[in-house]
C-alpha cells in the first residue's frame, strides 16, 4: 500500500534543478558554469541564480548536537 501511492512520484513534484557536487553544472538562467557553493545552495557567479545542492545534508562545523538533558548540568571543559 505504501509503494502504490502516487504522491511520492517524480511527476507530481515537477522538474527539480539541483547542483550536483563533483560534476559539471550549467546555470539554468545564463548557461555559465561558475558557482559560489555554500552549505545548502549554490549560486551562479554571473547571474546570481540560486539552486539547491543535491547532496545537501545537515552536517559540518555549524551543526550543534546534544545528547539530552544531562548536557545542561555537565561541567565545562576548560
Protein backbone atom coordinates (compact mmCIF):
# COMPACT_ATOMS: atom_id res chain seq x y z
CA UNK A 1 0.00 0.00 0.00
CA UNK A 2 2.82 2.45 0.81
CA UNK A 3 4.60 1.93 -2.51
CA UNK A 4 1.41 2.36 -4.54
CA UNK A 5 0.82 5.99 -3.59
CA UNK A 6 1.10 8.43 -6.49
CA UNK A 7 2.11 11.34 -4.24
CA UNK A 8 5.68 10.03 -3.97
CA UNK A 9 6.33 10.00 -7.71
CA UNK A 10 8.54 12.46 -9.58
CA UNK A 11 5.74 13.72 -11.84
CA UNK A 12 3.67 15.49 -9.13
CA UNK A 13 6.78 17.27 -7.81
CA UNK A 14 7.84 18.54 -11.24
CA UNK A 15 11.33 19.00 -12.63
CA UNK A 16 13.81 19.76 -9.86
CA UNK A 17 17.05 21.53 -10.80
CA UNK A 18 19.86 20.58 -8.40
CA UNK A 19 23.56 21.39 -8.12
CA UNK A 20 25.47 18.12 -8.12
CA UNK A 21 28.83 18.01 -6.38
CA UNK A 22 31.85 16.81 -8.41
CA UNK A 23 30.00 17.24 -11.72
CA UNK A 24 29.89 19.88 -14.45
CA UNK A 25 26.87 22.06 -13.67
CA UNK A 26 25.43 24.65 -16.05
CA UNK A 27 23.31 27.53 -14.80
CA UNK A 28 19.67 27.26 -15.91
CA UNK A 29 19.50 31.05 -16.20
CA UNK A 30 22.57 32.01 -18.21
CA UNK A 31 24.37 28.77 -19.12
CA UNK A 32 27.66 29.62 -17.37
CA UNK A 33 29.45 27.16 -15.11
CA UNK A 34 30.99 29.34 -12.37
CA UNK A 35 29.40 28.70 -8.98
CA UNK A 36 29.65 30.02 -5.44
CA UNK A 37 28.93 26.95 -3.35
CA UNK A 38 27.58 27.22 0.18
CA UNK A 39 26.34 24.67 2.69
CA UNK A 40 22.87 24.08 1.27
CA UNK A 41 22.74 26.01 -2.00
CA UNK A 42 24.91 27.08 -4.91
CA UNK A 43 24.69 30.49 -6.59
CA UNK A 44 25.71 31.35 -10.13
CA UNK A 45 28.60 33.81 -10.12
CA UNK A 46 27.28 35.61 -13.22
CA UNK A 47 23.50 35.95 -12.82
CA UNK A 48 23.02 35.04 -9.11
CA UNK A 49 20.59 32.18 -9.79
CA UNK A 50 20.48 30.03 -6.64
CA UNK A 51 19.76 26.31 -6.70
CA UNK A 52 19.79 23.63 -4.01
CA UNK A 53 22.64 21.18 -3.62
CA UNK A 54 21.63 17.58 -4.38
CA UNK A 55 23.77 16.09 -1.63
CA UNK A 56 22.95 18.81 0.89
CA UNK A 57 22.94 17.31 4.37
CA UNK A 58 22.78 18.94 7.76
CA UNK A 59 26.38 18.41 8.73
CA UNK A 60 29.51 20.42 9.23
CA UNK A 61 31.10 22.66 11.79
CA UNK A 62 27.96 24.75 12.29
CA UNK A 63 25.81 21.87 13.46
CA UNK A 64 25.26 21.51 17.20
CA UNK A 65 24.25 18.18 18.68
CA UNK A 66 23.10 17.49 22.20
CA UNK A 67 22.79 14.17 23.96
CA UNK A 68 19.85 15.05 26.16
CA UNK A 69 19.13 16.84 29.42
CA UNK A 70 22.38 15.68 31.02
CA UNK A 71 24.40 18.16 28.90
CA UNK A 72 22.83 21.12 30.72
CA UNK A 73 24.43 20.13 34.01
CA UNK A 74 27.71 18.77 32.60
CA UNK A 75 30.86 20.65 33.66
CA UNK A 76 32.56 22.78 31.03
CA UNK A 77 35.86 21.57 29.63
CA UNK A 78 38.33 24.40 30.10
